[in-house]
Amino acid sequence: QTPGKQRELVAVATSGGSTHYADS
């Protein structure tokens, strides 16, 4: 999160091994 912007997801890892990343 940066000032003036809402919190955004950067990356996530599930217990099953899946991952997801923000395009940026």
mmCIF file of all heavy atoms, coordinates in Angstrom:
data_MODEL
# 
_entry.id   MODEL 
# 
loop_
_atom_site.group_PDB 
_atom_site.id 
_atom_site.type_symbol 
_atom_site.label_atom_id 
_atom_site.label_alt_id 
_atom_site.label_comp_id 
_atom_site.label_asym_id 
_atom_site.label_entity_id 
_atom_site.label_seq_id 
_atom_site.pdbx_PDB_ins_code 
_atom_site.Cartn_x 
_atom_site.Cartn_y 
_atom_site.Cartn_z 
_atom_site.occupancy 
_atom_site.B_iso_or_equiv 
_atom_site.pdbx_formal_charge 
_atom_site.auth_seq_id 
_atom_site.auth_comp_id 
_atom_site.auth_asym_id 
_atom_site.auth_atom_id 
_atom_site.pdbx_PDB_model_num 
ATOM 1   N N   . GLN A 1 1  ? 0.827  -1.191  0.000   1.00 0.00 ? 1  GLN A N   1 
ATOM 2   C CA  . GLN A 1 1  ? 0.000  0.000   0.000   1.00 0.00 ? 1  GLN A CA  1 
ATOM 3   C C   . GLN A 1 1  ? 0.867  1.248   0.000   1.00 0.00 ? 1  GLN A C   1 
ATOM 4   O O   . GLN A 1 1  ? 1.855  1.332   0.728   1.00 0.00 ? 1  GLN A O   1 
ATOM 5   C CB  . GLN A 1 1  ? -0.923 0.014   1.222   1.00 0.00 ? 1  GLN A CB  1 
ATOM 6   C CG  . GLN A 1 1  ? -1.952 1.130   1.210   1.00 0.00 ? 1  GLN A CG  1 
ATOM 7   C CD  . GLN A 1 1  ? -2.985 0.953   2.300   1.00 0.00 ? 1  GLN A CD  1 
ATOM 8   O OE1 . GLN A 1 1  ? -2.731 0.319   3.325   1.00 0.00 ? 1  GLN A OE1 1 
ATOM 9   N NE2 . GLN A 1 1  ? -4.166 1.510   2.087   1.00 0.00 ? 1  GLN A NE2 1 
ATOM 10  N N   . THR A 1 2  ? 0.485  2.221   -0.832  1.00 0.00 ? 2  THR A N   1 
ATOM 11  C CA  . THR A 1 2  ? 1.128  3.520   -0.871  1.00 0.00 ? 2  THR A CA  1 
ATOM 12  C C   . THR A 1 2  ? 0.090  4.575   -0.526  1.00 0.00 ? 2  THR A C   1 
ATOM 13  O O   . THR A 1 2  ? -1.121 4.345   -0.672  1.00 0.00 ? 2  THR A O   1 
ATOM 14  C CB  . THR A 1 2  ? 1.723  3.809   -2.254  1.00 0.00 ? 2  THR A CB  1 
ATOM 15  O OG1 . THR A 1 2  ? 0.690  3.734   -3.245  1.00 0.00 ? 2  THR A OG1 1 
ATOM 16  C CG2 . THR A 1 2  ? 2.804  2.801   -2.601  1.00 0.00 ? 2  THR A CG2 1 
ATOM 17  N N   . PRO A 1 3  ? 0.521  5.751   -0.064  1.00 0.00 ? 3  PRO A N   1 
ATOM 18  C CA  . PRO A 1 3  ? -0.442 6.801   0.284   1.00 0.00 ? 3  PRO A CA  1 
ATOM 19  C C   . PRO A 1 3  ? -1.360 7.144   -0.881  1.00 0.00 ? 3  PRO A C   1 
ATOM 20  O O   . PRO A 1 3  ? -0.912 7.305   -2.017  1.00 0.00 ? 3  PRO A O   1 
ATOM 21  C CB  . PRO A 1 3  ? 0.454  7.987   0.657   1.00 0.00 ? 3  PRO A CB  1 
ATOM 22  C CG  . PRO A 1 3  ? 1.716  7.353   1.134   1.00 0.00 ? 3  PRO A CG  1 
ATOM 23  C CD  . PRO A 1 3  ? 1.897  6.151   0.247   1.00 0.00 ? 3  PRO A CD  1 
ATOM 24  N N   . GLY A 1 4  ? -2.650 7.231   -0.602  1.00 0.00 ? 4  GLY A N   1 
ATOM 25  C CA  . GLY A 1 4  ? -3.623 7.577   -1.615  1.00 0.00 ? 4  GLY A CA  1 
ATOM 26  C C   . GLY A 1 4  ? -4.109 6.427   -2.461  1.00 0.00 ? 4  GLY A C   1 
ATOM 27  O O   . GLY A 1 4  ? -4.948 6.632   -3.342  1.00 0.00 ? 4  GLY A O   1 
ATOM 28  N N   . LYS A 1 5  ? -3.598 5.235   -2.234  1.00 0.00 ? 5  LYS A N   1 
ATOM 29  C CA  . LYS A 1 5  ? -4.013 4.065   -2.983  1.00 0.00 ? 5  LYS A CA  1 
ATOM 30  C C   . LYS A 1 5  ? -4.469 2.980   -2.022  1.00 0.00 ? 5  LYS A C   1 
ATOM 31  O O   . LYS A 1 5  ? -3.977 2.875   -0.905  1.00 0.00 ? 5  LYS A O   1 
ATOM 32  C CB  . LYS A 1 5  ? -2.872 3.529   -3.850  1.00 0.00 ? 5  LYS A CB  1 
ATOM 33  C CG  . LYS A 1 5  ? -2.369 4.493   -4.904  1.00 0.00 ? 5  LYS A CG  1 
ATOM 34  C CD  . LYS A 1 5  ? -1.168 3.930   -5.648  1.00 0.00 ? 5  LYS A CD  1 
ATOM 35  C CE  . LYS A 1 5  ? -1.522 2.697   -6.448  1.00 0.00 ? 5  LYS A CE  1 
ATOM 36  N NZ  . LYS A 1 5  ? -0.360 2.191   -7.230  1.00 0.00 ? 5  LYS A NZ  1 
ATOM 37  N N   . GLN A 1 6  ? -5.415 2.162   -2.476  1.00 0.00 ? 6  GLN A N   1 
ATOM 38  C CA  . GLN A 1 6  ? -5.868 1.068   -1.640  1.00 0.00 ? 6  GLN A CA  1 
ATOM 39  C C   . GLN A 1 6  ? -4.866 -0.073  -1.679  1.00 0.00 ? 6  GLN A C   1 
ATOM 40  O O   . GLN A 1 6  ? -4.073 -0.199  -2.615  1.00 0.00 ? 6  GLN A O   1 
ATOM 41  C CB  . GLN A 1 6  ? -7.258 0.592   -2.057  1.00 0.00 ? 6  GLN A CB  1 
ATOM 42  C CG  . GLN A 1 6  ? -7.349 -0.029  -3.431  1.00 0.00 ? 6  GLN A CG  1 
ATOM 43  C CD  . GLN A 1 6  ? -8.769 -0.455  -3.771  1.00 0.00 ? 6  GLN A CD  1 
ATOM 44  O OE1 . GLN A 1 6  ? -9.718 -0.093  -3.078  1.00 0.00 ? 6  GLN A OE1 1 
ATOM 45  N NE2 . GLN A 1 6  ? -8.927 -1.213  -4.833  1.00 0.00 ? 6  GLN A NE2 1 
ATOM 46  N N   . ARG A 1 7  ? -4.901 -0.887  -0.663  1.00 0.00 ? 7  ARG A N   1 
ATOM 47  C CA  . ARG A 1 7  ? -3.990 -2.010  -0.568  1.00 0.00 ? 7  ARG A CA  1 
ATOM 48  C C   . ARG A 1 7  ? -4.225 -2.984  -1.720  1.00 0.00 ? 7  ARG A C   1 
ATOM 49  O O   . ARG A 1 7  ? -5.361 -3.336  -2.039  1.00 0.00 ? 7  ARG A O   1 
ATOM 50  C CB  . ARG A 1 7  ? -4.181 -2.702  0.781   1.00 0.00 ? 7  ARG A CB  1 
ATOM 51  C CG  . ARG A 1 7  ? -3.099 -3.684  1.148   1.00 0.00 ? 7  ARG A CG  1 
ATOM 52  C CD  . ARG A 1 7  ? -3.259 -4.151  2.600   1.00 0.00 ? 7  ARG A CD  1 
ATOM 53  N NE  . ARG A 1 7  ? -3.120 -3.056  3.544   1.00 0.00 ? 7  ARG A NE  1 
ATOM 54  C CZ  . ARG A 1 7  ? -3.162 -3.219  4.866   1.00 0.00 ? 7  ARG A CZ  1 
ATOM 55  N NH1 . ARG A 1 7  ? -3.331 -4.420  5.389   1.00 0.00 ? 7  ARG A NH1 1 
ATOM 56  N NH2 . ARG A 1 7  ? -3.033 -2.159  5.652   1.00 0.00 ? 7  ARG A NH2 1 
ATOM 57  N N   . GLU A 1 8  ? -3.146 -3.431  -2.349  1.00 0.00 ? 8  GLU A N   1 
ATOM 58  C CA  . GLU A 1 8  ? -3.251 -4.340  -3.475  1.00 0.00 ? 8  GLU A CA  1 
ATOM 59  C C   . GLU A 1 8  ? -2.493 -5.629  -3.202  1.00 0.00 ? 8  GLU A C   1 
ATOM 60  O O   . GLU A 1 8  ? -1.453 -5.635  -2.535  1.00 0.00 ? 8  GLU A O   1 
ATOM 61  C CB  . GLU A 1 8  ? -2.721 -3.689  -4.759  1.00 0.00 ? 8  GLU A CB  1 
ATOM 62  C CG  . GLU A 1 8  ? -1.234 -3.392  -4.743  1.00 0.00 ? 8  GLU A CG  1 
ATOM 63  C CD  . GLU A 1 8  ? -0.697 -2.941  -6.091  1.00 0.00 ? 8  GLU A CD  1 
ATOM 64  O OE1 . GLU A 1 8  ? -1.382 -3.164  -7.116  1.00 0.00 ? 8  GLU A OE1 1 
ATOM 65  O OE2 . GLU A 1 8  ? 0.416  -2.362  -6.130  1.00 0.00 ? 8  GLU A OE2 1 
ATOM 66  N N   . LEU A 1 9  ? -3.015 -6.707  -3.750  1.00 0.00 ? 9  LEU A N   1 
ATOM 67  C CA  . LEU A 1 9  ? -2.363 -7.997  -3.620  1.00 0.00 ? 9  LEU A CA  1 
ATOM 68  C C   . LEU A 1 9  ? -1.133 -8.042  -4.510  1.00 0.00 ? 9  LEU A C   1 
ATOM 69  O O   . LEU A 1 9  ? -1.203 -7.729  -5.698  1.00 0.00 ? 9  LEU A O   1 
ATOM 70  C CB  . LEU A 1 9  ? -3.325 -9.125  -3.995  1.00 0.00 ? 9  LEU A CB  1 
ATOM 71  C CG  . LEU A 1 9  ? -2.766 -10.551 -3.939  1.00 0.00 ? 9  LEU A CG  1 
ATOM 72  C CD1 . LEU A 1 9  ? -2.441 -10.937 -2.499  1.00 0.00 ? 9  LEU A CD1 1 
ATOM 73  C CD2 . LEU A 1 9  ? -3.757 -11.537 -4.540  1.00 0.00 ? 9  LEU A CD2 1 
ATOM 74  N N   . VAL A 1 10 ? -0.016 -8.462  -3.941  1.00 0.00 ? 10 VAL A N   1 
ATOM 75  C CA  . VAL A 1 10 ? 1.229  -8.603  -4.679  1.00 0.00 ? 10 VAL A CA  1 
ATOM 76  C C   . VAL A 1 10 ? 1.447  -10.045 -5.099  1.00 0.00 ? 10 VAL A C   1 
ATOM 77  O O   . VAL A 1 10 ? 1.722  -10.337 -6.265  1.00 0.00 ? 10 VAL A O   1 
ATOM 78  C CB  . VAL A 1 10 ? 2.431  -8.104  -3.851  1.00 0.00 ? 10 VAL A CB  1 
ATOM 79  C CG1 . VAL A 1 10 ? 3.740  -8.302  -4.621  1.00 0.00 ? 10 VAL A CG1 1 
ATOM 80  C CG2 . VAL A 1 10 ? 2.252  -6.639  -3.472  1.00 0.00 ? 10 VAL A CG2 1 
ATOM 81  N N   . ALA A 1 11 ? 1.347  -10.960 -4.148  1.00 0.00 ? 11 ALA A N   1 
ATOM 82  C CA  . ALA A 1 11 ? 1.573  -12.370 -4.420  1.00 0.00 ? 11 ALA A CA  1 
ATOM 83  C C   . ALA A 1 11 ? 0.919  -13.196 -3.331  1.00 0.00 ? 11 ALA A C   1 
ATOM 84  O O   . ALA A 1 11 ? 0.807  -12.754 -2.185  1.00 0.00 ? 11 ALA A O   1 
ATOM 85  C CB  . ALA A 1 11 ? 3.068  -12.691 -4.505  1.00 0.00 ? 11 ALA A CB  1 
ATOM 86  N N   . VAL A 1 12 ? 0.494  -14.397 -3.679  1.00 0.00 ? 12 VAL A N   1 
ATOM 87  C CA  . VAL A 1 12 ? -0.121 -15.302 -2.724  1.00 0.00 ? 12 VAL A CA  1 
ATOM 88  C C   . VAL A 1 12 ? 0.333  -16.719 -3.016  1.00 0.00 ? 12 VAL A C   1 
ATOM 89  O O   . VAL A 1 12 ? 0.545  -17.090 -4.176  1.00 0.00 ? 12 VAL A O   1 
ATOM 90  C CB  . VAL A 1 12 ? -1.664 -15.200 -2.759  1.00 0.00 ? 12 VAL A CB  1 
ATOM 91  C CG1 . VAL A 1 12 ? -2.200 -15.569 -4.140  1.00 0.00 ? 12 VAL A CG1 1 
ATOM 92  C CG2 . VAL A 1 12 ? -2.298 -16.080 -1.689  1.00 0.00 ? 12 VAL A CG2 1 
ATOM 93  N N   . ALA A 1 13 ? 0.496  -17.498 -1.966  1.00 0.00 ? 13 ALA A N   1 
ATOM 94  C CA  . ALA A 1 13 ? 0.835  -18.912 -2.073  1.00 0.00 ? 13 ALA A CA  1 
ATOM 95  C C   . ALA A 1 13 ? -0.145 -19.708 -1.226  1.00 0.00 ? 13 ALA A C   1 
ATOM 96  O O   . ALA A 1 13 ? -0.298 -19.440 -0.028  1.00 0.00 ? 13 ALA A O   1 
ATOM 97  C CB  . ALA A 1 13 ? 2.267  -19.168 -1.613  1.00 0.00 ? 13 ALA A CB  1 
ATOM 98  N N   . THR A 1 14 ? -0.812 -20.673 -1.828  1.00 0.00 ? 14 THR A N   1 
ATOM 99  C CA  . THR A 1 14 ? -1.772 -21.494 -1.104  1.00 0.00 ? 14 THR A CA  1 
ATOM 100 C C   . THR A 1 14 ? -1.077 -22.681 -0.462  1.00 0.00 ? 14 THR A C   1 
ATOM 101 O O   . THR A 1 14 ? 0.062  -23.023 -0.790  1.00 0.00 ? 14 THR A O   1 
ATOM 102 C CB  . THR A 1 14 ? -2.887 -21.994 -2.032  1.00 0.00 ? 14 THR A CB  1 
ATOM 103 O OG1 . THR A 1 14 ? -2.356 -22.997 -2.913  1.00 0.00 ? 14 THR A OG1 1 
ATOM 104 C CG2 . THR A 1 14 ? -3.461 -20.860 -2.867  1.00 0.00 ? 14 THR A CG2 1 
ATOM 105 N N   . SER A 1 15 ? -1.784 -23.329 0.456   1.00 0.00 ? 15 SER A N   1 
ATOM 106 C CA  . SER A 1 15 ? -1.239 -24.515 1.101   1.00 0.00 ? 15 SER A CA  1 
ATOM 107 C C   . SER A 1 15 ? -1.046 -25.651 0.114   1.00 0.00 ? 15 SER A C   1 
ATOM 108 O O   . SER A 1 15 ? -0.239 -26.550 0.360   1.00 0.00 ? 15 SER A O   1 
ATOM 109 C CB  . SER A 1 15 ? -2.148 -24.964 2.246   1.00 0.00 ? 15 SER A CB  1 
ATOM 110 O OG  . SER A 1 15 ? -3.454 -25.279 1.771   1.00 0.00 ? 15 SER A OG  1 
ATOM 111 N N   . GLY A 1 16 ? -1.779 -25.626 -0.999  1.00 0.00 ? 16 GLY A N   1 
ATOM 112 C CA  . GLY A 1 16 ? -1.654 -26.648 -2.011  1.00 0.00 ? 16 GLY A CA  1 
ATOM 113 C C   . GLY A 1 16 ? -0.569 -26.396 -3.032  1.00 0.00 ? 16 GLY A C   1 
ATOM 114 O O   . GLY A 1 16 ? -0.373 -27.218 -3.939  1.00 0.00 ? 16 GLY A O   1 
ATOM 115 N N   . GLY A 1 17 ? 0.124  -25.266 -2.927  1.00 0.00 ? 17 GLY A N   1 
ATOM 116 C CA  . GLY A 1 17 ? 1.240  -24.992 -3.811  1.00 0.00 ? 17 GLY A CA  1 
ATOM 117 C C   . GLY A 1 17 ? 0.952  -24.056 -4.964  1.00 0.00 ? 17 GLY A C   1 
ATOM 118 O O   . GLY A 1 17 ? 1.860  -23.766 -5.755  1.00 0.00 ? 17 GLY A O   1 
ATOM 119 N N   . SER A 1 18 ? -0.269 -23.576 -5.096  1.00 0.00 ? 18 SER A N   1 
ATOM 120 C CA  . SER A 1 18 ? -0.587 -22.631 -6.163  1.00 0.00 ? 18 SER A CA  1 
ATOM 121 C C   . SER A 1 18 ? -0.064 -21.245 -5.814  1.00 0.00 ? 18 SER A C   1 
ATOM 122 O O   . SER A 1 18 ? -0.002 -20.872 -4.644  1.00 0.00 ? 18 SER A O   1 
ATOM 123 C CB  . SER A 1 18 ? -2.093 -22.569 -6.397  1.00 0.00 ? 18 SER A CB  1 
ATOM 124 O OG  . SER A 1 18 ? -2.604 -23.825 -6.796  1.00 0.00 ? 18 SER A OG  1 
ATOM 125 N N   . THR A 1 19 ? 0.290  -20.485 -6.828  1.00 0.00 ? 19 THR A N   1 
ATOM 126 C CA  . THR A 1 19 ? 0.767  -19.118 -6.633  1.00 0.00 ? 19 THR A CA  1 
ATOM 127 C C   . THR A 1 19 ? 0.079  -18.175 -7.602  1.00 0.00 ? 19 THR A C   1 
ATOM 128 O O   . THR A 1 19 ? -0.374 -18.581 -8.680  1.00 0.00 ? 19 THR A O   1 
ATOM 129 C CB  . THR A 1 19 ? 2.289  -19.011 -6.824  1.00 0.00 ? 19 THR A CB  1 
ATOM 130 O OG1 . THR A 1 19 ? 2.637  -19.441 -8.148  1.00 0.00 ? 19 THR A OG1 1 
ATOM 131 C CG2 . THR A 1 19 ? 3.023  -19.870 -5.811  1.00 0.00 ? 19 THR A CG2 1 
ATOM 132 N N   . HIS A 1 20 ? 0.010  -16.914 -7.211  1.00 0.00 ? 20 HIS A N   1 
ATOM 133 C CA  . HIS A 1 20 ? -0.569 -15.869 -8.041  1.00 0.00 ? 20 HIS A CA  1 
ATOM 134 C C   . HIS A 1 20 ? 0.225  -14.596 -7.820  1.00 0.00 ? 20 HIS A C   1 
ATOM 135 O O   . HIS A 1 20 ? 0.610  -14.287 -6.692  1.00 0.00 ? 20 HIS A O   1 
ATOM 136 C CB  . HIS A 1 20 ? -2.041 -15.633 -7.696  1.00 0.00 ? 20 HIS A CB  1 
ATOM 137 C CG  . HIS A 1 20 ? -2.632 -14.446 -8.379  1.00 0.00 ? 20 HIS A CG  1 
ATOM 138 N ND1 . HIS A 1 20 ? -3.027 -14.480 -9.698  1.00 0.00 ? 20 HIS A ND1 1 
ATOM 139 C CD2 . HIS A 1 20 ? -2.873 -13.181 -7.939  1.00 0.00 ? 20 HIS A CD2 1 
ATOM 140 C CE1 . HIS A 1 20 ? -3.485 -13.291 -10.041 1.00 0.00 ? 20 HIS A CE1 1 
ATOM 141 N NE2 . HIS A 1 20 ? -3.404 -12.488 -8.985  1.00 0.00 ? 20 HIS A NE2 1 
ATOM 142 N N   . TYR A 1 21 ? 0.441  -13.846 -8.904  1.00 0.00 ? 21 TYR A N   1 
ATOM 143 C CA  . TYR A 1 21 ? 1.185  -12.599 -8.836  1.00 0.00 ? 21 TYR A CA  1 
ATOM 144 C C   . TYR A 1 21 ? 0.419  -11.480 -9.511  1.00 0.00 ? 21 TYR A C   1 
ATOM 145 O O   . TYR A 1 21 ? -0.274 -11.694 -10.513 1.00 0.00 ? 21 TYR A O   1 
ATOM 146 C CB  . TYR A 1 21 ? 2.546  -12.722 -9.524  1.00 0.00 ? 21 TYR A CB  1 
ATOM 147 C CG  . TYR A 1 21 ? 3.473  -13.742 -8.920  1.00 0.00 ? 21 TYR A CG  1 
ATOM 148 C CD1 . TYR A 1 21 ? 3.480  -15.052 -9.368  1.00 0.00 ? 21 TYR A CD1 1 
ATOM 149 C CD2 . TYR A 1 21 ? 4.353  -13.377 -7.909  1.00 0.00 ? 21 TYR A CD2 1 
ATOM 150 C CE1 . TYR A 1 21 ? 4.341  -15.990 -8.814  1.00 0.00 ? 21 TYR A CE1 1 
ATOM 151 C CE2 . TYR A 1 21 ? 5.220  -14.301 -7.351  1.00 0.00 ? 21 TYR A CE2 1 
ATOM 152 C CZ  . TYR A 1 21 ? 5.208  -15.607 -7.814  1.00 0.00 ? 21 TYR A CZ  1 
ATOM 153 O OH  . TYR A 1 21 ? 6.070  -16.533 -7.263  1.00 0.00 ? 21 TYR A OH  1 
ATOM 154 N N   . ALA A 1 22 ? 0.566  -10.279 -8.981  1.00 0.00 ? 22 ALA A N   1 
ATOM 155 C CA  . ALA A 1 22 ? 0.074  -9.108  -9.682  1.00 0.00 ? 22 ALA A CA  1 
ATOM 156 C C   . ALA A 1 22 ? 0.846  -8.948  -10.987 1.00 0.00 ? 22 ALA A C   1 
ATOM 157 O O   . ALA A 1 22 ? 2.041  -9.258  -11.062 1.00 0.00 ? 22 ALA A O   1 
ATOM 158 C CB  . ALA A 1 22 ? 0.238  -7.861  -8.819  1.00 0.00 ? 22 ALA A CB  1 
ATOM 159 N N   . ASP A 1 23 ? 0.165  -8.460  -12.017 1.00 0.00 ? 23 ASP A N   1 
ATOM 160 C CA  . ASP A 1 23 ? 0.815  -8.300  -13.313 1.00 0.00 ? 23 ASP A CA  1 
ATOM 161 C C   . ASP A 1 23 ? 2.056  -7.415  -13.229 1.00 0.00 ? 23 ASP A C   1 
ATOM 162 O O   . ASP A 1 23 ? 3.035  -7.633  -13.950 1.00 0.00 ? 23 ASP A O   1 
ATOM 163 C CB  . ASP A 1 23 ? -0.162 -7.717  -14.329 1.00 0.00 ? 23 ASP A CB  1 
ATOM 164 C CG  . ASP A 1 23 ? -1.229 -8.698  -14.759 1.00 0.00 ? 23 ASP A CG  1 
ATOM 165 O OD1 . ASP A 1 23 ? -1.032 -9.920  -14.575 1.00 0.00 ? 23 ASP A OD1 1 
ATOM 166 O OD2 . ASP A 1 23 ? -2.267 -8.258  -15.290 1.00 0.00 ? 23 ASP A OD2 1 
ATOM 167 N N   . SER A 1 24 ? 2.033  -6.439  -12.354 1.00 0.00 ? 24 SER A N   1 
ATOM 168 C CA  . SER A 1 24 ? 3.123  -5.491  -12.260 1.00 0.00 ? 24 SER A CA  1 
ATOM 169 C C   . SER A 1 24 ? 4.419  -6.091  -11.721 1.00 0.00 ? 24 SER A C   1 
ATOM 170 O O   . SER A 1 24 ? 5.483  -5.486  -11.880 1.00 0.00 ? 24 SER A O   1 
ATOM 171 C CB  . SER A 1 24 ? 2.715  -4.301  -11.382 1.00 0.00 ? 24 SER A CB  1 
ATOM 172 O OG  . SER A 1 24 ? 2.371  -4.733  -10.080 1.00 0.00 ? 24 SER A OG  1 
# 
